[in-house]
Amino acid sequence: MTRSLITKFGTHALVDLFGATHLADVATLRAALLCAAERAGATVLAEHFHGFPDLSGVTGVVLLEESHISIHTWPKEGFAAIDVFMCGEMSIEAAVDYLIDVLKPNKHLIKRIERGATIETSNPSPLGNS
């Protein structure tokens, strides 16, 4: 059996932070996501952040020419869910590493998904027929 990668449209990192800091601070989170985009080599098109009442969380997104970085936080639980999706030759690792450094979680989990990746499989017939 032969397998080959046909297409990849981008890479998506799903990052869960546990015990993180600054999770109710809109200004810090905005600056962190913008700097993460810069460190990845991405081009920022727009950004929007919203802090919820009683410091119950922040939702933010940085729209990139190469896709997006978003964050959703639950400060009381010390949890943040971050998505970093980028196309092209951007450095997702640089963006994720920077966000981890700034938000200082006790624990983090990262799931990396290749978006649009197609695997072509060929199984040669034992009789030589296709």
C-alpha atoms as a PDB file:
ATOM      1  CA  MET A   1       0.000   0.000   0.000  1.00  0.00           C
ATOM      2  CA  THR A   2       1.320   3.421  -0.959  1.00  0.00           C
ATOM      3  CA  ARG A   3       0.166   6.631   0.714  1.00  0.00           C
ATOM      4  CA  SER A   4       0.952  10.185  -0.276  1.00  0.00           C
ATOM      5  CA  LEU A   5      -0.208  13.590   0.974  1.00  0.00           C
ATOM      6  CA  ILE A   6      -2.073  15.345  -1.814  1.00  0.00           C
ATOM      7  CA  THR A   7      -3.123  18.741  -0.444  1.00  0.00           C
ATOM      8  CA  LYS A   8      -2.899  20.746   2.758  1.00  0.00           C
ATOM      9  CA  PHE A   9      -4.731  24.046   3.086  1.00  0.00           C
ATOM     10  CA  GLY A  10      -3.478  25.014   6.524  1.00  0.00           C
ATOM     11  CA  THR A  11      -2.589  23.950  10.033  1.00  0.00           C
ATOM     12  CA  HIS A  12      -4.924  24.375  12.984  1.00  0.00           C
ATOM     13  CA  ALA A  13      -3.615  24.269  16.544  1.00  0.00           C
ATOM     14  CA  LEU A  14      -6.212  23.835  19.284  1.00  0.00           C
ATOM     15  CA  VAL A  15      -4.633  24.928  22.546  1.00  0.00           C
ATOM     16  CA  ASP A  16      -6.155  24.358  25.990  1.00  0.00           C
ATOM     17  CA  LEU A  17      -4.542  26.271  28.872  1.00  0.00           C
ATOM     18  CA  PHE A  18      -5.195  25.286  32.490  1.00  0.00           C
ATOM     19  CA  GLY A  19      -4.288  27.556  35.418  1.00  0.00           C
ATOM     20  CA  ALA A  20      -3.454  30.428  33.064  1.00  0.00           C
ATOM     21  CA  THR A  21      -3.095  34.097  34.039  1.00  0.00           C
ATOM     22  CA  HIS A  22      -4.533  37.378  32.643  1.00  0.00           C
ATOM     23  CA  LEU A  23      -7.748  35.658  31.545  1.00  0.00           C
ATOM     24  CA  ALA A  24     -10.031  38.615  32.367  1.00  0.00           C
ATOM     25  CA  ASP A  25      -7.624  41.281  31.075  1.00  0.00           C
ATOM     26  CA  VAL A  26      -8.811  42.337  27.605  1.00  0.00           C
ATOM     27  CA  ALA A  27      -5.822  44.632  26.966  1.00  0.00           C
ATOM     28  CA  THR A  28      -3.246  41.954  27.840  1.00  0.00           C
ATOM     29  CA  LEU A  29      -5.009  39.289  25.777  1.00  0.00           C
ATOM     30  CA  ARG A  30      -5.365  41.632  22.796  1.00  0.00           C
ATOM     31  CA  ALA A  31      -1.662  42.538  22.926  1.00  0.00           C
ATOM     32  CA  ALA A  32      -0.709  38.858  23.331  1.00  0.00           C
ATOM     33  CA  LEU A  33      -2.693  37.662  20.311  1.00  0.00           C
ATOM     34  CA  LEU A  34      -1.450  40.521  18.135  1.00  0.00           C
ATOM     35  CA  CYS A  35       2.146  39.808  19.129  1.00  0.00           C
ATOM     36  CA  ALA A  36       1.619  36.066  18.548  1.00  0.00           C
ATOM     37  CA  ALA A  37       0.464  36.846  15.013  1.00  0.00           C
ATOM     38  CA  GLU A  38       3.552  38.997  14.455  1.00  0.00           C
ATOM     39  CA  ARG A  39       5.852  36.277  15.775  1.00  0.00           C
ATOM     40  CA  ALA A  40       4.239  33.781  13.408  1.00  0.00           C
ATOM     41  CA  GLY A  41       4.964  36.087  10.490  1.00  0.00           C
ATOM     42  CA  ALA A  42       1.259  36.623   9.800  1.00  0.00           C
ATOM     43  CA  THR A  43      -0.510  39.736   8.499  1.00  0.00           C
ATOM     44  CA  VAL A  44      -3.228  41.180  10.759  1.00  0.00           C
ATOM     45  CA  LEU A  45      -6.354  42.381   8.931  1.00  0.00           C
ATOM     46  CA  ALA A  46      -8.633  43.158  11.906  1.00  0.00           C
ATOM     47  CA  GLU A  47      -9.237  42.315  15.546  1.00  0.00           C
ATOM     48  CA  HIS A  48     -12.116  42.356  17.998  1.00  0.00           C
ATOM     49  CA  PHE A  49     -12.172  41.576  21.720  1.00  0.00           C
ATOM     50  CA  HIS A  50     -15.052  41.538  24.185  1.00  0.00           C
ATOM     51  CA  GLY A  51     -14.766  41.373  27.960  1.00  0.00           C
ATOM     52  CA  PHE A  52     -17.806  39.964  29.747  1.00  0.00           C
ATOM     53  CA  PRO A  53     -19.303  41.626  32.861  1.00  0.00           C
ATOM     54  CA  ASP A  54     -18.015  40.738  36.309  1.00  0.00           C
ATOM     55  CA  LEU A  55     -14.699  39.611  34.779  1.00  0.00           C
ATOM     56  CA  SER A  56     -16.352  36.356  33.729  1.00  0.00           C
ATOM     57  CA  GLY A  57     -14.276  35.983  30.582  1.00  0.00           C
ATOM     58  CA  VAL A  58     -13.011  37.349  27.315  1.00  0.00           C
ATOM     59  CA  THR A  59     -13.674  36.384  23.717  1.00  0.00           C
ATOM     60  CA  GLY A  60     -11.286  37.698  21.120  1.00  0.00           C
ATOM     61  CA  VAL A  61     -10.275  37.134  17.550  1.00  0.00           C
ATOM     62  CA  VAL A  62      -7.471  38.393  15.345  1.00  0.00           C
ATOM     63  CA  LEU A  63      -8.364  38.035  11.679  1.00  0.00           C
ATOM     64  CA  LEU A  64      -5.285  37.272   9.606  1.00  0.00           C
ATOM     65  CA  GLU A  65      -4.599  37.314   5.914  1.00  0.00           C
ATOM     66  CA  GLU A  66      -3.464  33.744   6.599  1.00  0.00           C
ATOM     67  CA  SER A  67      -6.597  32.866   8.699  1.00  0.00           C
ATOM     68  CA  HIS A  68      -7.102  33.631  12.433  1.00  0.00           C
ATOM     69  CA  ILE A  69      -6.141  33.410  16.103  1.00  0.00           C
ATOM     70  CA  SER A  70      -8.966  33.317  18.648  1.00  0.00           C
ATOM     71  CA  ILE A  71      -9.309  32.993  22.410  1.00  0.00           C
ATOM     72  CA  HIS A  72     -12.154  32.263  24.820  1.00  0.00           C
ATOM     73  CA  THR A  73     -11.438  32.467  28.554  1.00  0.00           C
ATOM     74  CA  TRP A  74     -13.017  31.327  31.807  1.00  0.00           C
ATOM     75  CA  PRO A  75     -11.009  33.206  34.476  1.00  0.00           C
ATOM     76  CA  LYS A  76     -12.741  31.653  37.502  1.00  0.00           C
ATOM     77  CA  GLU A  77     -11.711  28.228  36.259  1.00  0.00           C
ATOM     78  CA  GLY A  78      -8.295  29.411  35.006  1.00  0.00           C
ATOM     79  CA  PHE A  79      -9.058  27.991  31.558  1.00  0.00           C
ATOM     80  CA  ALA A  80      -8.499  29.368  28.064  1.00  0.00           C
ATOM     81  CA  ALA A  81      -9.308  27.820  24.697  1.00  0.00           C
ATOM     82  CA  ILE A  82      -7.132  29.164  21.887  1.00  0.00           C
ATOM     83  CA  ASP A  83      -7.353  28.430  18.164  1.00  0.00           C
ATOM     84  CA  VAL A  84      -4.465  29.253  15.868  1.00  0.00           C
ATOM     85  CA  PHE A  85      -5.258  28.497  12.228  1.00  0.00           C
ATOM     86  CA  MET A  86      -2.811  29.539   9.538  1.00  0.00           C
ATOM     87  CA  CYS A  87      -2.173  28.856   5.886  1.00  0.00           C
ATOM     88  CA  GLY A  88       1.135  29.113   4.106  1.00  0.00           C
ATOM     89  CA  GLU A  89       4.567  29.185   5.663  1.00  0.00           C
ATOM     90  CA  MET A  90       3.602  30.877   8.930  1.00  0.00           C
ATOM     91  CA  SER A  91       5.096  29.594  12.198  1.00  0.00           C
ATOM     92  CA  ILE A  92       2.198  28.347  14.282  1.00  0.00           C
ATOM     93  CA  GLU A  93       4.734  27.079  16.823  1.00  0.00           C
ATOM     94  CA  ALA A  94       6.084  30.601  17.396  1.00  0.00           C
ATOM     95  CA  ALA A  95       2.559  31.921  18.008  1.00  0.00           C
ATOM     96  CA  VAL A  96       1.579  29.104  20.383  1.00  0.00           C
ATOM     97  CA  ASP A  97       4.867  29.208  22.310  1.00  0.00           C
ATOM     98  CA  TYR A  98       4.513  32.964  22.788  1.00  0.00           C
ATOM     99  CA  LEU A  99       0.937  32.680  24.099  1.00  0.00           C
ATOM    100  CA  ILE A 100       1.986  29.963  26.546  1.00  0.00           C
ATOM    101  CA  ASP A 101       4.882  32.138  27.752  1.00  0.00           C
ATOM    102  CA  VAL A 102       2.604  35.145  28.315  1.00  0.00           C
ATOM    103  CA  LEU A 103      -0.364  33.346  29.896  1.00  0.00           C
ATOM    104  CA  LYS A 104       1.779  31.022  32.048  1.00  0.00           C
ATOM    105  CA  PRO A 105      -0.561  28.037  32.412  1.00  0.00           C
ATOM    106  CA  ASN A 106       0.165  25.263  34.907  1.00  0.00           C
ATOM    107  CA  LYS A 107      -0.664  22.790  32.151  1.00  0.00           C
ATOM    108  CA  HIS A 108      -1.374  22.985  28.431  1.00  0.00           C
ATOM    109  CA  LEU A 109      -2.623  20.617  25.764  1.00  0.00           C
ATOM    110  CA  ILE A 110      -2.074  21.166  22.056  1.00  0.00           C
ATOM    111  CA  LYS A 111      -3.865  19.359  19.244  1.00  0.00           C
ATOM    112  CA  ARG A 112      -2.500  19.966  15.772  1.00  0.00           C
ATOM    113  CA  ILE A 113      -4.705  19.309  12.757  1.00  0.00           C
ATOM    114  CA  GLU A 114      -3.663  19.526   9.121  1.00  0.00           C
ATOM    115  CA  ARG A 115      -6.725  21.078   7.439  1.00  0.00           C
ATOM    116  CA  GLY A 116      -7.759  19.763   4.055  1.00  0.00           C
ATOM    117  CA  ALA A 117      -5.034  17.141   4.040  1.00  0.00           C
ATOM    118  CA  THR A 118      -5.953  14.341   1.697  1.00  0.00           C
ATOM    119  CA  ILE A 119      -4.210  11.012   1.719  1.00  0.00           C
ATOM    120  CA  GLU A 120      -4.176   9.084  -1.531  1.00  0.00           C
ATOM    121  CA  THR A 121      -3.878   5.348  -1.034  1.00  0.00           C
ATOM    122  CA  SER A 122      -3.118   2.853  -3.738  1.00  0.00           C
ATOM    123  CA  ASN A 123      -3.352  -0.889  -3.217  1.00  0.00           C
ATOM    124  CA  PRO A 124      -1.753  -2.791  -6.076  1.00  0.00           C
ATOM    125  CA  SER A 125      -3.824  -5.802  -7.030  1.00  0.00           C
ATOM    126  CA  PRO A 126      -2.096  -9.099  -6.271  1.00  0.00           C
ATOM    127  CA  LEU A 127      -2.980 -10.132  -9.847  1.00  0.00           C
ATOM    128  CA  GLY A 128      -1.412  -7.039 -11.350  1.00  0.00           C
ATOM    129  CA  ASN A 129      -4.814  -5.551 -12.319  1.00  0.00           C
ATOM    130  CA  SER A 130      -5.885  -2.101 -11.210  1.00  0.00           C
END
